[in-house]
Amino acid sequence: MICLDEKWRRTGPEELNGHSGHPLPPLHSRVNGWSLPLHSFQVVTLGLFTYLAIVGFGIYIPLLPHGWKHAAYAVSFPDIHRENTGPVLLPLREESEGTSQQVPTVRSLPKVIGLLFIYHLINHLVAVTIDPADQNVLAKKNYNKPMPIFDRSTCKHVIQNQRCYLCEVEVGPKVKHCSACNKCVADFDHHCNWLNNCVGSKNYWFFFNAVASAVLGLFLLILVVLYVFVQYFVDPAQLRTAPQFESVGGNDTWLVFLPLAPAETTAVAIMSVAALTLLLGFIPFLLLGHLLLFHLYLSVSLWLAAGEACHGACLLPTPVLPVSFSQGPLAGDKLLDSHGLIQ
């Protein structure tokens, strides 16, 4: 093929040769999502995560009623002399205004949101940091060496017969050469601009967990901010249960960044930031929710297809070997007459 000829595997930019219809791959192969230059979507993602974490845990979660923040269930083992010997779930008692009351909350909501944010951050960073290149590429790759640039106007495929003629290695059947990273990626799924990295078999589940935890975390954070927004107009006293509000004069003064660094602000500021947070949280929630449903659909479809293939293979009839008449008139242990009938 002419596209595999040495003259097309040049190291100069395509636009210098009159081909500027496609974005140019990097001169060097990218290692992972931290390879420069960073993508603008990646910067937006990290900035939005930081904003939601500061606003959520610094402003709105501390305004939740006291029982929402500290109630949980404990496992209490009864006395061995009692008839029932199994563990009994009892709610922790919470001291509120000198009286002991039971709070029917299964789990502390802020802790759940906090764990989701941490879990998402870990999976996000791992998905960005992993090098998803094919193992044969990693064994031979020198990221400091300039890579040849593939001319798409001449040939559409750089991999022929499971060999990449740019990476110069043998690759697997599901490998694709990513033009953005300029290297072959194992079990290529897609190139994610939000991660600034390719998603393949090595980091797919980290990517999937990052998306799933982001959707669930955004959903819970939206509920918290929406509750504060509505409760301010219904009963604002329920949002001022923190002890620091006792030293604040007037209901127009509100506190943020409780309890570590209380700072005074106005109700207008809190409600304005709440409206902005709902908008900035709802948009990625819809986008990531759509992406999560799409990948769940793909996973279920592949699982069902694999199950049907396995079930069909188990139900295949036993193949019947044809009779070779050149070896005589025998059909198994029977004899055939001149008309081909078993005698």
Protein backbone atom coordinates (compact mmCIF):
# COMPACT_ATOMS: atom_id res chain seq x y z
CA MET A 1 0.00 0.00 0.00
CA ILE A 2 1.25 3.46 -0.86
CA CYS A 3 0.28 4.84 2.56
CA LEU A 4 2.82 2.53 4.19
CA ASP A 5 5.65 3.76 2.03
CA GLU A 6 8.50 5.49 3.84
CA LYS A 7 7.90 8.76 2.02
CA TRP A 8 4.52 9.16 3.75
CA ARG A 9 5.97 8.55 7.22
CA ARG A 10 7.50 11.97 7.49
CA THR A 11 8.22 13.91 10.68
CA GLY A 12 7.37 17.37 9.35
CA PRO A 13 4.05 19.15 9.98
CA GLU A 14 1.28 18.35 7.53
CA GLU A 15 0.46 21.99 6.88
CA LEU A 16 3.94 22.53 5.48
CA ASN A 17 3.11 19.94 2.86
CA GLY A 18 -0.19 21.50 1.90
CA HIS A 19 -2.45 19.37 4.18
CA SER A 20 -4.13 21.54 6.79
CA GLY A 21 -7.63 20.05 6.83
CA HIS A 22 -7.06 18.06 10.05
CA PRO A 23 -5.67 19.02 13.47
CA LEU A 24 -2.01 18.19 13.76
CA PRO A 25 -0.98 15.36 16.10
CA PRO A 26 1.67 16.24 18.69
CA LEU A 27 5.25 15.90 17.54
CA HIS A 28 5.94 13.65 20.54
CA SER A 29 3.58 11.01 21.85
CA ARG A 30 1.69 12.12 24.95
CA VAL A 31 2.30 10.07 28.10
CA ASN A 32 -0.99 10.73 29.91
CA GLY A 33 -3.45 13.49 30.76
CA TRP A 34 -0.79 15.61 32.46
CA SER A 35 1.30 15.93 29.31
CA LEU A 36 1.43 19.52 28.13
CA PRO A 37 -0.46 21.31 26.82
CA LEU A 38 -3.42 20.81 29.13
CA HIS A 39 -6.80 20.83 27.41
CA SER A 40 -9.16 23.69 28.24
CA PHE A 41 -11.93 21.20 29.13
CA GLN A 42 -9.58 19.60 31.66
CA VAL A 43 -8.96 22.95 33.34
CA VAL A 44 -12.72 23.64 33.42
CA THR A 45 -13.35 20.24 35.04
CA LEU A 46 -10.81 20.79 37.82
CA GLY A 47 -12.05 24.34 38.38
CA LEU A 48 -15.69 23.25 38.61
CA PHE A 49 -14.83 20.45 41.04
CA THR A 50 -12.93 22.89 43.26
CA TYR A 51 -15.79 25.41 43.18
CA LEU A 52 -18.47 22.84 44.06
CA ALA A 53 -16.34 21.40 46.86
CA ILE A 54 -15.68 24.83 48.43
CA VAL A 55 -19.26 26.05 48.07
CA GLY A 56 -20.86 22.77 49.10
CA PHE A 57 -18.75 21.99 52.16
CA GLY A 58 -18.01 25.61 53.06
CA ILE A 59 -21.44 27.25 52.75
CA TYR A 60 -24.46 24.99 52.34
CA ILE A 61 -23.74 21.73 54.15
CA PRO A 62 -22.94 23.57 57.43
CA LEU A 63 -26.39 25.22 57.19
CA LEU A 64 -28.21 21.90 57.33
CA PRO A 65 -30.19 21.11 60.49
CA HIS A 66 -28.11 19.62 63.28
CA GLY A 67 -29.64 16.14 63.03
CA TRP A 68 -28.76 15.84 59.35
CA LYS A 69 -25.08 16.29 60.09
CA HIS A 70 -24.43 14.00 63.01
CA ALA A 71 -27.04 11.24 63.28
CA ALA A 72 -26.15 7.66 62.38
CA TYR A 73 -27.09 4.12 63.38
CA ALA A 74 -25.10 2.02 65.85
CA VAL A 75 -25.05 -1.76 66.32
CA SER A 76 -25.97 -2.70 69.89
CA PHE A 77 -25.52 -6.29 71.03
CA PRO A 78 -28.13 -7.24 73.68
CA ASP A 79 -27.34 -9.06 76.89
CA ILE A 80 -26.54 -12.75 76.44
CA HIS A 81 -29.26 -13.70 78.94
CA ARG A 82 -31.98 -12.34 76.64
CA GLU A 83 -33.85 -14.69 74.38
CA ASN A 84 -32.94 -12.83 71.20
CA THR A 85 -29.24 -13.07 70.46
CA GLY A 86 -29.04 -11.20 67.19
CA PRO A 87 -27.68 -7.66 66.82
CA VAL A 88 -30.22 -4.85 67.03
CA LEU A 89 -29.89 -1.60 65.12
CA LEU A 90 -30.44 1.35 67.43
CA PRO A 91 -30.23 5.02 66.43
CA LEU A 92 -27.71 7.11 68.27
CA ARG A 93 -29.24 9.56 70.70
CA GLU A 94 -28.43 13.17 70.07
CA GLU A 95 -28.38 15.88 72.72
CA SER A 96 -30.35 18.89 71.53
CA GLU A 97 -31.26 21.77 73.86
CA GLY A 98 -30.85 19.65 77.00
CA THR A 99 -33.17 16.82 75.87
CA SER A 100 -32.33 13.45 74.43
CA GLN A 101 -34.11 12.61 71.20
CA GLN A 102 -33.79 9.90 68.60
CA VAL A 103 -32.94 11.04 65.09
CA PRO A 104 -34.32 8.69 62.40
CA THR A 105 -31.51 9.26 59.96
CA VAL A 106 -29.80 6.23 58.47
CA ARG A 107 -26.58 7.92 57.52
CA SER A 108 -24.95 11.29 57.74
CA LEU A 109 -25.61 12.99 54.41
CA PRO A 110 -22.54 15.27 54.46
CA LYS A 111 -20.26 12.28 55.08
CA VAL A 112 -21.80 10.49 52.10
CA ILE A 113 -21.27 13.51 49.85
CA GLY A 114 -17.73 13.93 51.19
CA LEU A 115 -16.85 10.30 50.50
CA LEU A 116 -18.32 10.57 46.99
CA PHE A 117 -16.25 13.69 46.26
CA ILE A 118 -13.06 12.01 47.51
CA TYR A 119 -13.85 8.78 45.64
CA HIS A 120 -14.51 10.74 42.45
CA LEU A 121 -11.30 12.74 42.81
CA ILE A 122 -9.19 9.60 43.29
CA ASN A 123 -10.69 7.84 40.25
CA HIS A 124 -10.44 11.00 38.15
CA LEU A 125 -6.75 11.50 38.97
CA VAL A 126 -5.95 7.83 38.36
CA ALA A 127 -7.75 7.87 35.00
CA VAL A 128 -5.76 10.96 34.01
CA THR A 129 -2.41 9.61 35.23
CA ILE A 130 -2.48 6.10 33.73
CA ASP A 131 -0.73 5.62 30.41
CA PRO A 132 -3.28 3.63 28.34
CA ALA A 133 -0.84 2.67 25.60
CA ASP A 134 -0.64 -0.89 24.32
CA GLN A 135 1.86 -3.08 26.17
CA ASN A 136 4.03 -3.55 23.08
CA VAL A 137 4.13 0.21 22.65
CA LEU A 138 5.19 0.70 26.27
CA ALA A 139 7.97 -1.86 25.86
CA LYS A 140 9.43 -0.01 22.87
CA LYS A 141 8.20 3.54 23.24
CA ASN A 142 10.64 6.40 23.64
CA TYR A 143 8.50 9.44 24.40
CA ASN A 144 11.43 11.77 23.78
CA LYS A 145 11.73 10.63 20.16
CA PRO A 146 9.70 12.52 17.53
CA MET A 147 6.88 10.48 16.03
CA PRO A 148 6.12 10.26 12.31
CA ILE A 149 2.94 12.10 11.35
CA PHE A 150 0.21 10.12 9.63
CA ASP A 151 -1.18 11.66 6.45
CA ARG A 152 -4.95 11.08 6.50
CA SER A 153 -5.42 12.55 3.05
CA THR A 154 -3.37 9.71 1.60
CA CYS A 155 -4.53 6.77 3.71
CA LYS A 156 -7.23 6.34 6.36
CA HIS A 157 -5.64 3.49 8.29
CA VAL A 158 -2.28 3.45 10.03
CA ILE A 159 -2.71 -0.10 11.39
CA GLN A 160 -2.57 -2.89 8.83
CA ASN A 161 -2.72 -6.61 9.73
CA GLN A 162 -2.43 -5.73 13.42
CA ARG A 163 0.77 -3.80 12.96
CA CYS A 164 1.08 -0.08 13.53
CA TYR A 165 3.44 1.45 11.01
CA LEU A 166 3.91 4.60 13.09
CA CYS A 167 4.61 2.97 16.45
CA GLU A 168 6.36 0.13 14.56
CA VAL A 169 4.97 -2.60 16.83
CA GLU A 170 2.55 -5.49 16.60
CA VAL A 171 -0.75 -4.60 18.30
CA GLY A 172 -3.89 -6.39 19.42
CA PRO A 173 -7.19 -6.59 17.50
CA LYS A 174 -8.89 -3.84 19.58
CA VAL A 175 -6.01 -1.38 19.47
CA LYS A 176 -6.39 2.00 17.78
CA HIS A 177 -3.80 4.65 17.06
CA CYS A 178 -5.06 7.87 18.67
CA SER A 179 -4.24 10.95 16.64
CA ALA A 180 -4.50 13.23 19.70
CA CYS A 181 -2.01 11.20 21.77
CA ASN A 182 -0.10 9.92 18.70
CA LYS A 183 0.26 6.37 20.01
CA CYS A 184 -1.59 3.06 20.00
CA VAL A 185 -4.04 2.58 22.88
CA ALA A 186 -5.01 -0.84 24.20
CA ASP A 187 -8.75 -1.59 23.75
CA PHE A 188 -9.37 2.00 22.66
CA ASP A 189 -12.75 3.38 23.78
CA HIS A 190 -12.45 7.12 23.09
CA HIS A 191 -10.21 10.12 23.66
CA CYS A 192 -11.66 12.16 26.54
CA ASN A 193 -10.89 15.88 26.42
CA TRP A 194 -12.17 16.28 30.00
CA LEU A 195 -9.42 13.92 31.15
CA ASN A 196 -7.02 15.04 28.43
CA ASN A 197 -6.23 11.36 28.03
CA CYS A 198 -7.35 8.32 26.09
CA VAL A 199 -9.73 5.84 27.72
CA GLY A 200 -8.77 2.22 27.15
CA SER A 201 -8.74 -1.08 28.98
CA LYS A 202 -6.17 0.13 31.52
CA ASN A 203 -8.17 3.10 32.81
CA TYR A 204 -11.74 2.44 31.64
CA TRP A 205 -13.12 1.39 35.02
CA PHE A 206 -11.50 4.37 36.73
CA PHE A 207 -13.19 6.56 34.13
CA PHE A 208 -16.51 4.78 34.65
CA ASN A 209 -16.30 5.08 38.45
CA ALA A 210 -15.38 8.75 38.14
CA VAL A 211 -18.48 9.40 36.00
CA ALA A 212 -20.80 7.38 38.26
CA SER A 213 -19.55 9.00 41.48
CA ALA A 214 -19.78 12.45 39.88
CA VAL A 215 -23.41 11.89 38.89
CA LEU A 216 -24.39 10.66 42.37
CA GLY A 217 -22.38 13.38 44.14
CA LEU A 218 -23.87 16.13 41.99
CA PHE A 219 -27.36 14.77 42.61
CA LEU A 220 -26.94 14.86 46.39
CA LEU A 221 -25.27 18.28 46.34
CA ILE A 222 -28.10 19.68 44.22
CA LEU A 223 -30.58 18.34 46.79
CA VAL A 224 -28.68 20.04 49.63
CA VAL A 225 -28.46 23.42 47.88
CA LEU A 226 -32.07 23.19 46.76
CA TYR A 227 -33.16 22.42 50.33
CA VAL A 228 -31.27 25.45 51.67
CA PHE A 229 -32.71 27.63 48.92
CA VAL A 230 -36.31 26.60 49.63
CA GLN A 231 -35.94 26.47 53.42
CA TYR A 232 -34.70 30.06 53.47
CA PHE A 233 -38.11 31.24 52.26
CA VAL A 234 -40.12 28.73 54.33
CA ASP A 235 -38.37 28.65 57.72
CA PRO A 236 -34.88 30.24 57.78
CA ALA A 237 -34.50 29.49 61.49
CA GLN A 238 -33.89 25.82 60.57
CA LEU A 239 -30.72 26.94 58.78
CA ARG A 240 -29.34 28.85 61.77
CA THR A 241 -28.95 25.95 64.22
CA ALA A 242 -25.15 26.17 64.39
CA PRO A 243 -23.87 27.49 67.76
CA GLN A 244 -21.92 30.27 66.02
CA PHE A 245 -25.20 31.99 65.06
CA GLU A 246 -25.92 32.73 68.75
CA SER A 247 -23.29 35.47 68.75
CA VAL A 248 -24.56 37.03 65.52
CA GLY A 249 -26.89 39.99 65.86
CA GLY A 250 -29.86 40.15 63.50
CA ASN A 251 -31.32 37.66 61.07
CA ASP A 252 -29.86 39.41 58.04
CA THR A 253 -26.32 38.33 58.90
CA TRP A 254 -25.31 34.83 57.88
CA LEU A 255 -22.14 32.81 58.44
CA VAL A 256 -20.17 30.73 55.96
CA PHE A 257 -17.21 28.33 56.29
CA LEU A 258 -18.52 26.92 59.55
CA PRO A 259 -17.24 25.79 61.98
CA LEU A 260 -13.53 26.29 61.33
CA ALA A 261 -13.40 29.81 59.88
CA PRO A 262 -16.73 31.61 60.32
CA ALA A 263 -17.13 34.60 58.02
CA GLU A 264 -20.09 36.95 57.92
CA THR A 265 -22.09 37.51 54.76
CA THR A 266 -25.58 38.48 53.65
CA ALA A 267 -28.61 36.41 52.74
CA VAL A 268 -28.59 37.90 49.25
CA ALA A 269 -25.06 36.61 48.68
CA ILE A 270 -25.93 33.11 49.91
CA MET A 271 -29.05 32.91 47.74
CA SER A 272 -27.20 34.27 44.69
CA VAL A 273 -24.41 31.73 45.05
CA ALA A 274 -27.07 29.03 45.58
CA ALA A 275 -28.75 29.88 42.27
CA LEU A 276 -25.37 29.88 40.49
CA THR A 277 -24.41 26.57 42.10
CA LEU A 278 -27.69 24.96 41.06
CA LEU A 279 -27.06 26.05 37.48
CA LEU A 280 -23.41 24.92 37.44
CA GLY A 281 -24.34 21.63 39.08
CA PHE A 282 -27.41 20.82 36.99
CA ILE A 283 -25.71 21.19 33.59
CA PRO A 284 -22.87 18.68 34.23
CA PHE A 285 -25.37 16.43 36.02
CA LEU A 286 -27.40 16.14 32.82
CA LEU A 287 -24.33 15.67 30.61
CA LEU A 288 -22.65 13.13 32.87
CA GLY A 289 -25.95 11.37 33.50
CA HIS A 290 -26.44 10.92 29.76
CA LEU A 291 -22.87 9.63 29.44
CA LEU A 292 -23.37 7.21 32.34
CA LEU A 293 -26.58 5.83 30.85
CA PHE A 294 -24.85 5.39 27.50
CA HIS A 295 -22.00 3.37 29.00
CA LEU A 296 -24.43 1.33 31.10
CA TYR A 297 -26.37 0.57 27.92
CA LEU A 298 -23.17 -0.54 26.19
CA SER A 299 -22.17 -2.72 29.15
CA VAL A 300 -25.59 -4.40 29.34
CA SER A 301 -25.67 -4.92 25.56
CA LEU A 302 -22.23 -6.56 25.59
CA TRP A 303 -23.21 -8.69 28.57
CA LEU A 304 -26.41 -9.86 26.87
CA ALA A 305 -24.60 -10.52 23.59
CA ALA A 306 -21.95 -12.57 25.41
CA GLY A 307 -24.66 -14.50 27.24
CA GLU A 308 -26.55 -15.26 24.03
CA ALA A 309 -23.35 -16.34 22.30
CA CYS A 310 -22.48 -18.67 25.17
CA HIS A 311 -26.04 -20.04 25.30
CA GLY A 312 -26.09 -20.57 21.54
CA ALA A 313 -22.76 -22.39 21.64
CA CYS A 314 -24.12 -24.76 24.28
CA LEU A 315 -27.19 -25.54 22.15
CA LEU A 316 -25.36 -26.23 18.90
CA PRO A 317 -26.19 -29.71 17.53
CA THR A 318 -23.48 -32.33 17.29
CA PRO A 319 -22.01 -32.13 13.78
CA VAL A 320 -22.72 -35.15 11.56
CA LEU A 321 -19.72 -36.29 9.59
CA PRO A 322 -20.52 -36.89 5.88
CA VAL A 323 -20.11 -40.36 4.44
CA SER A 324 -17.12 -40.77 2.18
CA PHE A 325 -18.22 -43.09 -0.64
CA SER A 326 -14.68 -43.32 -1.86
CA GLN A 327 -13.89 -45.40 1.21
CA GLY A 328 -16.61 -48.01 0.54
CA PRO A 329 -20.37 -48.44 1.00
CA LEU A 330 -20.25 -48.21 4.80
CA ALA A 331 -22.39 -45.74 6.75
CA GLY A 332 -21.31 -46.25 10.33
CA ASP A 333 -21.98 -49.91 11.02
CA LYS A 334 -24.62 -50.21 8.25
CA LEU A 335 -24.35 -51.15 4.59
CA LEU A 336 -25.81 -49.09 1.76
CA ASP A 337 -27.39 -50.64 -1.29
CA SER A 338 -27.06 -49.28 -4.80
CA HIS A 339 -29.81 -46.70 -4.15
CA GLY A 340 -28.10 -45.34 -1.05
CA LEU A 341 -30.56 -46.96 1.37
CA ILE A 342 -29.43 -48.62 4.58
CA GLN A 343 -29.78 -52.40 4.37
